[in-house]
């Protein structure tokens, strides 16, 4: 998932064999050199240059239909000392990345990194300016968010299944339904390698956040010898955004919530309790009350989502104020809504449903909910509930890329210990899968996103030293909060 600034082989060989990557020399003759120019009018980033490259809709048919993939560049500030290009991804899936080099510049990407690279952004396939897809979402579907409804009983699962089936049918009958099999992480990784070739680079470095960590792990697994310095910040598990990852969001909330409870208990003006236990009890009290009587349109589902989403960052004051408003039957101050919500949510569904096979039967979800409602009571009966992927019109066209340890030792992972969106448990599995290819920096803090997003000097300095100079810790590193 992406929150802007608070804010994504036996089988690598297998995936590459399923859709073989053309050699660099072959690709170089088939791709034009990039002609940089102004960015689209809705990309308000005067420091960026933009362009497009042609990529295949279906890499199994490289000479078949193609579309324009939108890319951007923040040029190196010291071309004489430029090392190469740094591809970036802000997360998602569904997050637009064309403006991301500009955003990184705003949040002070260090001069040593700016000197070393042209920083490259791109809208992944299906997103933004790169053949955007749709599921023709209704206003209610747009407002609902990323998670299924919280299931209080088995009947709620059946109801959620009907909603999921309706949404899957909308995706399958939309004007962009022909793209359904091809909006996948593996294809986005192949697109990244086409960007590399179009830019005339032998290798690329990479900085990816959240879902972008899975995209980066897939790229460096499929193209290990084309990977230079790879930074993965706030890491998904090695299976990517699959049913396990969806259920892990509930674990993430349970990991992160105590940080908020301490804040609320220390600030009695919000009236949420004077101990962490009382604040925790208030969560369940509000959820039960809002289930029976929503306050200004916010029911228990929206309350759980509001709480989860606002623990990505550390603006506890807004969340505590929202709880206070709900507790006193007052309207909650609205938060900004992305203008491209249909494309954001639709491309996310295309990706996660196309990447891996999800359970197909209602009993499978009922069983998962029975476990997670007890294990992760704040959110588990939501994130284990039925999603449209259960009714997706086709199975994935290829097996998921299996993240492995074959390749150069050139990956740096960075991870908060209490990340709600990409919990530590998943990150540790990716660290294990990458083996000696990776080193991992853990930070004793909560929230989603580390490098440049928090002020942890230990983590920030470690990432900067790796990107700028290739200096990577000899062993995994633990940074104090």
Protein backbone atom coordinates (compact mmCIF):
# COMPACT_ATOMS: atom_id res chain seq x y z
CA UNK A 1 0.00 0.00 0.00
CA UNK A 2 1.08 3.53 -0.59
CA UNK A 3 0.52 6.51 1.67
CA UNK A 4 2.32 9.51 0.16
CA UNK A 5 5.36 10.12 2.38
CA UNK A 6 3.89 8.71 5.47
CA UNK A 7 4.10 6.74 3.55
CA UNK A 8 3.62 -2.63 -2.60
CA UNK A 9 13.75 -19.07 -8.00
CA UNK A 10 13.75 -22.24 -8.76
CA UNK A 11 11.12 -19.90 -9.90
CA UNK A 12 13.18 -16.83 -10.92
CA UNK A 13 14.57 -19.18 -13.48
CA UNK A 14 11.05 -20.49 -14.01
CA UNK A 15 9.47 -17.04 -14.35
CA UNK A 16 12.20 -15.94 -16.73
CA UNK A 17 11.66 -19.15 -18.67
CA UNK A 18 7.90 -18.62 -18.88
CA UNK A 19 8.39 -15.19 -20.46
CA UNK A 20 12.02 -14.96 -21.52
CA UNK A 21 13.72 -11.60 -21.34
CA UNK A 22 15.28 -10.52 -24.60
CA UNK A 23 19.00 -9.87 -24.58
CA UNK A 24 20.15 -6.32 -24.02
CA UNK A 25 21.53 -6.10 -27.53
CA UNK A 26 18.24 -7.28 -29.03
CA UNK A 27 16.23 -4.83 -26.96
CA UNK A 28 18.56 -1.96 -27.72
CA UNK A 29 17.77 -2.27 -31.39
CA UNK A 30 14.02 -2.40 -30.80
CA UNK A 31 13.70 0.57 -28.45
CA UNK A 32 14.22 4.17 -29.38
CA UNK A 33 16.46 6.38 -27.28
CA UNK A 34 14.50 8.46 -24.81
CA UNK A 35 13.54 11.97 -25.89
CA UNK A 36 13.00 13.98 -22.72
CA UNK A 37 10.51 16.82 -22.65
CA UNK A 38 7.84 18.47 -20.51
CA UNK A 39 5.76 16.34 -18.16
CA UNK A 40 1.97 15.96 -18.47
CA UNK A 41 0.02 18.99 -17.30
CA UNK A 42 -1.23 17.25 -14.14
CA UNK A 43 2.34 16.47 -12.98
CA UNK A 44 3.27 19.68 -11.16
CA UNK A 45 6.99 19.05 -10.92
CA UNK A 46 9.03 21.68 -12.77
CA UNK A 47 12.30 19.94 -11.89
CA UNK A 48 11.32 16.81 -13.84
CA UNK A 49 11.64 15.80 -17.48
CA UNK A 50 9.22 13.23 -18.88
CA UNK A 51 8.93 10.82 -21.79
CA UNK A 52 7.40 7.50 -22.77
CA UNK A 53 8.74 4.19 -24.02
CA UNK A 54 6.89 1.41 -25.84
CA UNK A 55 6.47 -1.86 -23.95
CA UNK A 56 4.57 -5.04 -24.91
CA UNK A 57 1.16 -5.66 -23.44
CA UNK A 58 2.07 -9.37 -23.32
CA UNK A 59 5.76 -10.24 -23.01
CA UNK A 60 5.03 -13.69 -24.42
CA UNK A 61 4.26 -11.83 -27.65
CA UNK A 62 6.96 -9.13 -27.74
CA UNK A 63 6.05 -8.13 -31.29
CA UNK A 64 2.37 -7.85 -30.46
CA UNK A 65 0.40 -4.84 -29.20
CA UNK A 66 2.32 -2.24 -27.20
CA UNK A 67 1.46 0.75 -25.05
CA UNK A 68 3.23 3.86 -23.82
CA UNK A 69 4.87 3.57 -20.39
CA UNK A 70 5.34 7.01 -18.84
CA UNK A 71 8.74 7.74 -17.30
CA UNK A 72 10.36 10.78 -15.68
CA UNK A 73 13.85 11.97 -14.83
CA UNK A 74 15.39 14.18 -12.18
CA UNK A 75 18.85 14.68 -13.70
CA UNK A 76 22.04 14.21 -11.72
CA UNK A 77 23.33 17.39 -10.10
CA UNK A 78 26.90 16.38 -10.94
CA UNK A 79 27.01 14.63 -14.32
CA UNK A 80 30.79 14.31 -14.19
CA UNK A 81 30.43 12.03 -11.15
CA UNK A 82 27.17 10.36 -12.15
CA UNK A 83 27.12 6.62 -11.41
CA UNK A 84 23.97 5.69 -13.29
CA UNK A 85 20.20 5.71 -12.79
CA UNK A 86 18.12 5.18 -9.68
CA UNK A 87 14.67 3.78 -10.47
CA UNK A 88 12.05 4.53 -7.84
CA UNK A 89 8.64 3.27 -6.81
CA UNK A 90 6.43 4.75 -4.04
CA UNK A 91 4.31 1.68 -3.35
CA UNK A 92 0.78 0.56 -4.04
CA UNK A 93 0.10 -1.38 -6.13
CA UNK A 94 -1.68 1.41 -7.92
CA UNK A 95 0.57 4.25 -6.79
CA UNK A 96 1.56 6.73 -9.49
CA UNK A 97 5.31 7.13 -9.64
CA UNK A 98 5.86 9.72 -12.36
CA UNK A 99 6.17 12.53 -9.81
CA UNK A 100 8.09 10.50 -7.23
CA UNK A 101 11.60 11.81 -8.00
CA UNK A 102 10.17 15.29 -7.40
CA UNK A 103 8.70 14.17 -4.07
CA UNK A 104 12.02 12.63 -3.03
CA UNK A 105 13.70 15.90 -3.92
CA UNK A 106 11.22 17.82 -1.74
CA UNK A 107 11.95 15.60 1.25
CA UNK A 108 15.65 16.22 0.82
CA UNK A 109 17.18 13.35 -1.09
CA UNK A 110 20.83 13.90 -0.08
CA UNK A 111 23.16 15.75 -2.42
CA UNK A 112 25.50 12.76 -2.59
CA UNK A 113 22.66 10.65 -4.02
CA UNK A 114 21.50 13.44 -6.34
CA UNK A 115 25.07 13.69 -7.65
CA UNK A 116 25.36 9.93 -8.22
CA UNK A 117 22.17 9.31 -10.18
CA UNK A 118 19.58 10.42 -12.59
CA UNK A 119 16.55 9.65 -10.44
CA UNK A 120 13.90 7.89 -12.55
CA UNK A 121 10.19 7.65 -11.89
CA UNK A 122 7.51 5.80 -13.81
CA UNK A 123 3.82 5.07 -13.69
CA UNK A 124 3.60 1.27 -13.61
CA UNK A 125 1.48 -0.45 -16.25
CA UNK A 126 -2.20 0.13 -15.63
CA UNK A 127 -1.54 3.23 -13.55
CA UNK A 128 -1.77 6.95 -14.20
CA UNK A 129 -0.33 7.79 -17.62
CA UNK A 130 0.62 4.17 -18.45
CA UNK A 131 -2.50 2.58 -19.98
CA UNK A 132 -4.68 3.23 -16.91
CA UNK A 133 -7.22 0.55 -16.06
CA UNK A 134 -10.64 0.77 -14.44
CA UNK A 135 -13.23 -1.35 -12.68
CA UNK A 136 -15.91 1.34 -13.08
CA UNK A 137 -16.15 1.80 -9.32
CA UNK A 138 -19.29 3.30 -7.85
CA UNK A 139 -19.06 6.14 -5.34
CA UNK A 140 -19.77 3.67 -2.53
CA UNK A 141 -17.02 1.32 -3.74
CA UNK A 142 -14.55 4.20 -3.94
CA UNK A 143 -15.37 5.26 -0.40
CA UNK A 144 -15.04 1.78 1.05
CA UNK A 145 -11.27 1.46 0.88
CA UNK A 146 -8.85 -1.44 0.50
CA UNK A 147 -10.29 -3.96 2.95
CA UNK A 148 -13.45 -6.08 2.92
CA UNK A 149 -16.06 -5.44 5.59
CA UNK A 150 -15.45 -6.70 9.11
CA UNK A 151 -17.23 -10.05 9.46
CA UNK A 152 -18.96 -10.47 12.79
CA UNK A 153 -20.47 -13.80 11.78
CA UNK A 154 -20.64 -16.27 8.90
CA UNK A 155 -23.54 -14.42 7.30
CA UNK A 156 -21.30 -11.35 6.98
CA UNK A 157 -18.87 -13.46 4.94
CA UNK A 158 -21.64 -14.48 2.55
CA UNK A 159 -22.67 -10.84 2.17
CA UNK A 160 -19.07 -9.77 1.53
CA UNK A 161 -18.79 -12.52 -1.08
CA UNK A 162 -21.67 -11.05 -3.06
CA UNK A 163 -20.07 -7.60 -2.95
CA UNK A 164 -16.72 -9.08 -4.02
CA UNK A 165 -18.35 -10.99 -6.89
CA UNK A 166 -20.05 -7.82 -8.12
CA UNK A 167 -16.77 -5.91 -8.11
CA UNK A 168 -14.89 -8.71 -9.88
CA UNK A 169 -17.58 -8.73 -12.57
CA UNK A 170 -17.21 -4.97 -13.02
CA UNK A 171 -13.47 -5.37 -13.53
CA UNK A 172 -14.02 -8.23 -16.00
CA UNK A 173 -16.52 -6.24 -18.08
CA UNK A 174 -14.85 -2.82 -17.98
CA UNK A 175 -13.43 -1.11 -21.06
CA UNK A 176 -9.91 -2.10 -19.94
CA UNK A 177 -10.71 -5.75 -19.15
CA UNK A 178 -8.45 -6.92 -21.99
CA UNK A 179 -5.51 -5.87 -19.76
CA UNK A 180 -6.56 -8.12 -16.86
CA UNK A 181 -3.97 -10.90 -17.47
CA UNK A 182 -1.09 -8.49 -18.03
CA UNK A 183 -1.13 -6.09 -15.06
CA UNK A 184 1.26 -8.06 -12.87
CA UNK A 185 4.33 -7.41 -10.78
CA UNK A 186 6.47 -9.66 -12.99
CA UNK A 187 5.46 -7.65 -16.05
CA UNK A 188 6.19 -4.39 -14.24
CA UNK A 189 9.66 -5.77 -13.47
CA UNK A 190 10.09 -6.54 -17.17
CA UNK A 191 8.99 -2.97 -17.90
CA UNK A 192 11.71 -1.74 -15.54
CA UNK A 193 14.27 -3.64 -17.54
CA UNK A 194 12.93 -2.05 -20.73
CA UNK A 195 13.46 1.33 -19.07
CA UNK A 196 17.05 0.31 -18.34
CA UNK A 197 17.65 -0.61 -21.96
CA UNK A 198 15.97 2.54 -23.28
CA UNK A 199 18.23 4.64 -21.07
CA UNK A 200 21.31 2.82 -22.35
CA UNK A 201 22.32 1.50 -18.94
CA UNK A 202 24.01 -1.82 -18.21
CA UNK A 203 22.59 -1.83 -14.67
CA UNK A 204 20.07 0.08 -12.58
CA UNK A 205 19.89 0.95 -8.91
CA UNK A 206 16.53 1.02 -7.20
CA UNK A 207 14.69 2.60 -4.27
CA UNK A 208 11.26 1.15 -3.54
CA UNK A 209 8.84 1.57 -0.67
CA UNK A 210 6.07 -0.72 0.61
CA UNK A 211 4.67 -2.73 -2.35
CA UNK A 212 7.66 -1.27 -4.21
CA UNK A 213 9.85 -3.58 -2.11
CA UNK A 214 8.17 -6.59 -3.66
CA UNK A 215 8.53 -5.10 -7.13
CA UNK A 216 12.22 -4.49 -6.42
CA UNK A 217 12.72 -7.99 -5.03
CA UNK A 218 11.05 -9.46 -8.11
CA UNK A 219 13.19 -7.33 -10.43
CA UNK A 220 16.48 -8.24 -8.78
CA UNK A 221 15.44 -11.92 -8.72
CA UNK A 222 14.53 -11.95 -12.42
CA UNK A 223 17.44 -9.73 -13.48
CA UNK A 224 20.14 -10.16 -10.82
CA UNK A 225 23.04 -9.18 -13.07
CA UNK A 226 21.23 -6.01 -14.17
CA UNK A 227 20.82 -4.87 -10.56
CA UNK A 228 23.27 -2.39 -9.05
CA UNK A 229 22.33 -1.05 -5.59
CA UNK A 230 18.87 -2.14 -4.43
CA UNK A 231 17.12 -0.49 -1.45
CA UNK A 232 13.88 -2.01 -0.20
CA UNK A 233 12.11 0.14 2.42
CA UNK A 234 9.17 -1.23 4.48
CA UNK A 235 9.14 -4.73 3.18
CA UNK A 236 6.39 -7.06 2.09
CA UNK A 237 6.77 -10.79 2.53
CA UNK A 238 8.30 -12.85 -0.30
CA UNK A 239 4.86 -13.75 -1.63
CA UNK A 240 4.02 -10.13 -2.35
CA UNK A 241 0.50 -8.83 -2.01
CA UNK A 242 -1.20 -12.22 -1.62
CA UNK A 243 -3.84 -13.48 0.83
CA UNK A 244 -1.15 -13.88 3.52
CA UNK A 245 -0.12 -10.26 3.08
CA UNK A 246 -3.74 -9.14 3.27
CA UNK A 247 -4.17 -10.96 6.58
CA UNK A 248 -0.91 -9.48 7.83
CA UNK A 249 -2.41 -5.99 7.83
CA UNK A 250 -4.31 -7.06 10.93
CA UNK A 251 -1.05 -8.14 12.55
CA UNK A 252 0.39 -4.76 11.60
CA UNK A 253 -2.37 -2.90 13.41
CA UNK A 254 -1.89 -5.00 16.54
CA UNK A 255 1.89 -4.31 16.40
CA UNK A 256 1.44 -0.57 15.91
CA UNK A 257 -1.55 0.23 18.11
CA UNK A 258 0.33 0.36 21.47
CA UNK A 259 2.29 3.40 20.24
CA UNK A 260 -0.97 5.31 19.74
CA UNK A 261 -2.41 4.02 23.00
CA UNK A 262 0.57 5.46 24.90
CA UNK A 263 0.03 8.85 23.26
CA UNK A 264 -3.68 8.92 23.97
CA UNK A 265 -3.19 7.86 27.58
CA UNK A 266 -0.64 10.64 28.08
CA UNK A 267 -3.03 13.27 26.66
CA UNK A 268 -6.17 13.32 28.81
CA UNK A 269 -7.74 16.16 26.79
CA UNK A 270 -8.98 13.57 24.32
CA UNK A 271 -10.88 11.65 26.97
CA UNK A 272 -9.89 8.23 25.68
CA UNK A 273 -8.47 6.84 28.91
CA UNK A 274 -5.56 7.39 31.25
CA UNK A 275 -3.87 4.02 30.64
CA UNK A 276 -3.05 2.07 27.52
CA UNK A 277 -5.50 -0.60 28.66
CA UNK A 278 -8.29 1.97 28.85
CA UNK A 279 -7.47 3.34 25.40
CA UNK A 280 -7.52 -0.19 24.01
CA UNK A 281 -10.88 -0.83 25.65
CA UNK A 282 -12.15 2.42 24.10
CA UNK A 283 -11.34 1.03 20.64
CA UNK A 284 -13.61 -1.94 21.15
CA UNK A 285 -16.28 0.17 22.82
CA UNK A 286 -16.38 2.59 19.89
CA UNK A 287 -16.38 -0.20 17.32
CA UNK A 288 -19.34 -1.89 19.02
CA UNK A 289 -21.25 1.36 19.35
CA UNK A 290 -20.64 2.44 15.76
CA UNK A 291 -21.78 -0.95 14.49
CA UNK A 292 -25.17 -0.29 16.05
CA UNK A 293 -25.36 3.45 15.40
CA UNK A 294 -22.96 5.07 12.90
CA UNK A 295 -21.93 8.65 13.64
CA UNK A 296 -22.19 11.00 10.67
CA UNK A 297 -21.77 8.11 8.24
CA UNK A 298 -18.90 6.40 10.06
CA UNK A 299 -19.67 2.83 11.11
CA UNK A 300 -17.42 0.24 12.73
CA UNK A 301 -15.84 -0.69 9.37
CA UNK A 302 -14.92 2.91 8.62
CA UNK A 303 -13.69 3.38 12.19
CA UNK A 304 -11.34 0.42 11.94
CA UNK A 305 -10.06 1.66 8.59
CA UNK A 306 -9.65 5.21 9.92
CA UNK A 307 -7.59 3.91 12.81
CA UNK A 308 -5.42 1.67 10.68
CA UNK A 309 -4.75 4.29 8.00
CA UNK A 310 -3.75 6.99 10.44
CA UNK A 311 -1.19 4.79 12.16
CA UNK A 312 0.94 4.75 9.00
CA UNK A 313 2.44 8.01 10.22
CA UNK A 314 2.74 9.60 13.65
CA UNK A 315 -0.01 12.22 13.52
CA UNK A 316 -1.59 10.80 16.62
CA UNK A 317 -3.32 14.09 17.38
CA UNK A 318 -5.62 13.79 14.36
CA UNK A 319 -6.56 10.20 15.19
CA UNK A 320 -7.13 10.94 18.88
CA UNK A 321 -9.26 13.93 17.90
CA UNK A 322 -11.27 11.77 15.49
CA UNK A 323 -11.89 9.22 18.21
CA UNK A 324 -12.99 12.00 20.56
CA UNK A 325 -15.39 13.34 17.92
CA UNK A 326 -16.93 9.92 17.39
CA UNK A 327 -17.14 9.33 21.13
CA UNK A 328 -19.10 12.58 21.52
CA UNK A 329 -21.22 12.15 18.37
CA UNK A 330 -19.48 14.93 16.47
CA UNK A 331 -18.49 14.89 12.76
CA UNK A 332 -14.90 13.89 12.06
CA UNK A 333 -12.72 16.33 10.12
CA UNK A 334 -12.40 14.97 6.57
CA UNK A 335 -9.08 13.87 5.12
CA UNK A 336 -7.93 14.36 1.51
CA UNK A 337 -9.17 11.82 -1.02
CA UNK A 338 -6.96 10.93 -4.02
CA UNK A 339 -8.48 12.38 -7.19
CA UNK A 340 -7.71 9.19 -9.16
CA UNK A 341 -9.32 6.79 -6.72
CA UNK A 342 -10.95 4.62 -9.40
CA UNK A 343 -7.64 3.98 -11.15
CA UNK A 344 -5.74 3.61 -7.86
CA UNK A 345 -8.12 0.97 -6.51
CA UNK A 346 -8.72 -0.74 -9.86
CA UNK A 347 -5.05 -1.14 -10.78
CA UNK A 348 -4.41 -2.48 -7.29
CA UNK A 349 -7.03 -5.18 -7.87
CA UNK A 350 -5.71 -6.02 -11.34
CA UNK A 351 -2.24 -6.52 -9.83
CA UNK A 352 -2.96 -8.46 -6.67
CA UNK A 353 -5.53 -10.72 -8.32
CA UNK A 354 -3.24 -11.30 -11.30
CA UNK A 355 -0.12 -12.02 -9.25
CA UNK A 356 -1.30 -15.02 -7.24
CA UNK A 357 -4.21 -17.39 -6.76
CA UNK A 358 -6.55 -16.54 -3.85
CA UNK A 359 -8.94 -18.92 -2.04
CA UNK A 360 -12.04 -19.52 -4.14
CA UNK A 361 -14.58 -20.81 -1.60
CA UNK A 362 -16.58 -19.06 1.10
CA UNK A 363 -15.73 -21.73 3.73
CA UNK A 364 -12.02 -20.98 3.25
CA UNK A 365 -12.62 -17.35 4.22
CA UNK A 366 -14.94 -18.29 7.07
CA UNK A 367 -12.18 -20.51 8.49
CA UNK A 368 -9.57 -17.76 8.13
CA UNK A 369 -11.84 -15.24 9.82
CA UNK A 370 -12.54 -17.60 12.72
CA UNK A 371 -8.79 -17.69 13.37
CA UNK A 372 -7.98 -14.03 12.77
CA UNK A 373 -10.96 -12.62 14.68
CA UNK A 374 -9.38 -14.15 17.78
CA UNK A 375 -5.72 -13.66 16.86
CA UNK A 376 -6.04 -10.06 15.61
CA UNK A 377 -9.40 -8.81 16.95
CA UNK A 378 -9.00 -5.20 15.83
CA UNK A 379 -8.93 -5.91 12.09
CA UNK A 380 -8.55 -9.64 11.47
CA UNK A 381 -12.17 -10.36 10.59
CA UNK A 382 -11.88 -7.70 7.88
CA UNK A 383 -8.55 -8.48 6.25
CA UNK A 384 -9.29 -12.25 6.18
CA UNK A 385 -12.67 -11.66 4.51
CA UNK A 386 -13.56 -12.26 0.88
CA UNK A 387 -11.99 -10.01 -1.75
CA UNK A 388 -12.78 -9.72 -5.49
CA UNK A 389 -9.73 -11.93 -6.15
CA UNK A 390 -11.87 -14.89 -5.04
CA UNK A 391 -14.02 -14.34 -8.15
CA UNK A 392 -11.37 -13.14 -10.59
CA UNK A 393 -12.25 -14.22 -14.14
CA UNK A 394 -8.96 -15.98 -14.82
CA UNK A 395 -6.08 -17.62 -12.98
CA UNK A 396 -2.63 -15.96 -13.04
CA UNK A 397 -0.94 -16.47 -16.41
CA UNK A 398 2.34 -17.52 -14.79
CA UNK A 399 3.53 -18.70 -11.36
CA UNK A 400 4.58 -16.03 -8.86
CA UNK A 401 8.27 -15.17 -8.97
CA UNK A 402 9.96 -16.97 -6.10
CA UNK A 403 12.28 -14.55 -4.34
CA UNK A 404 15.64 -16.25 -3.88
CA UNK A 405 19.28 -15.80 -2.92
CA UNK A 406 20.95 -16.24 -6.33
CA UNK A 407 22.74 -13.10 -7.45
CA UNK A 408 25.10 -10.44 -6.16
CA UNK A 409 25.07 -9.32 -2.55
CA UNK A 410 23.65 -5.88 -3.31
CA UNK A 411 20.34 -5.52 -1.46
CA UNK A 412 19.75 -3.29 1.56
CA UNK A 413 16.46 -3.71 3.41
CA UNK A 414 15.25 -1.14 5.93
CA UNK A 415 12.30 -1.73 8.24
CA UNK A 416 10.48 -0.23 11.22
CA UNK A 417 9.82 -2.76 13.96
CA UNK A 418 6.17 -1.68 14.30
CA UNK A 419 5.03 -1.05 10.75
CA UNK A 420 1.25 -1.44 10.30
CA UNK A 421 1.30 -1.77 6.51
CA UNK A 422 4.24 -4.13 6.05
CA UNK A 423 4.74 -5.85 9.40
CA UNK A 424 8.15 -7.04 10.55
CA UNK A 425 7.03 -10.68 10.31
CA UNK A 426 6.76 -10.45 6.53
CA UNK A 427 10.00 -8.50 6.20
CA UNK A 428 11.90 -11.17 8.10
CA UNK A 429 10.66 -13.81 5.65
CA UNK A 430 11.90 -11.73 2.71
CA UNK A 431 15.22 -11.25 4.49
CA UNK A 432 15.49 -15.03 4.88
CA UNK A 433 14.54 -15.63 1.24
CA UNK A 434 17.21 -13.23 -0.05
CA UNK A 435 19.87 -14.84 2.15
CA UNK A 436 23.35 -13.42 1.70
CA UNK A 437 22.14 -11.13 -1.06
CA UNK A 438 20.71 -8.80 1.59
CA UNK A 439 21.47 -6.90 4.75
CA UNK A 440 18.63 -5.59 6.90
CA UNK A 441 18.43 -2.42 8.98
CA UNK A 442 15.69 -2.49 11.61
CA UNK A 443 14.56 0.65 13.41
CA UNK A 444 12.93 0.60 16.85
CA UNK A 445 9.96 2.75 15.91
CA UNK A 446 6.50 2.53 14.41
CA UNK A 447 4.99 3.78 11.18
CA UNK A 448 5.26 3.00 7.50
CA UNK A 449 8.37 4.15 5.66
CA UNK A 450 11.86 4.87 6.95
CA UNK A 451 14.33 6.49 4.55
CA UNK A 452 13.80 10.26 4.44
CA UNK A 453 10.31 9.78 5.89
CA UNK A 454 11.52 9.58 9.48
CA UNK A 455 14.35 11.44 11.18
CA UNK A 456 16.22 8.33 12.27
CA UNK A 457 19.79 9.34 11.50
CA UNK A 458 21.16 5.83 11.90
CA UNK A 459 18.88 4.42 9.21
CA UNK A 460 19.02 7.45 6.91
CA UNK A 461 22.81 7.63 6.99
CA UNK A 462 23.11 3.88 6.33
CA UNK A 463 20.88 4.03 3.25
CA UNK A 464 22.58 7.16 1.91
CA UNK A 465 26.05 5.63 2.32
CA UNK A 466 24.92 2.55 0.40
CA UNK A 467 23.30 4.44 -2.47
CA UNK A 468 26.03 7.05 -2.79
CA UNK A 469 29.16 5.05 -2.04
CA UNK A 470 28.22 1.38 -2.01
CA UNK A 471 28.95 1.10 1.72
CA UNK A 472 26.69 -1.55 3.18
CA UNK A 473 26.75 -2.98 6.73
CA UNK A 474 28.73 -6.19 7.04
CA UNK A 475 25.90 -7.62 9.13
CA UNK A 476 22.27 -6.80 9.84
CA UNK A 477 22.00 -3.57 11.81
CA UNK A 478 19.61 -2.50 14.57
CA UNK A 479 19.00 1.24 14.95
CA UNK A 480 17.54 2.73 18.11
CA UNK A 481 14.32 4.70 17.76
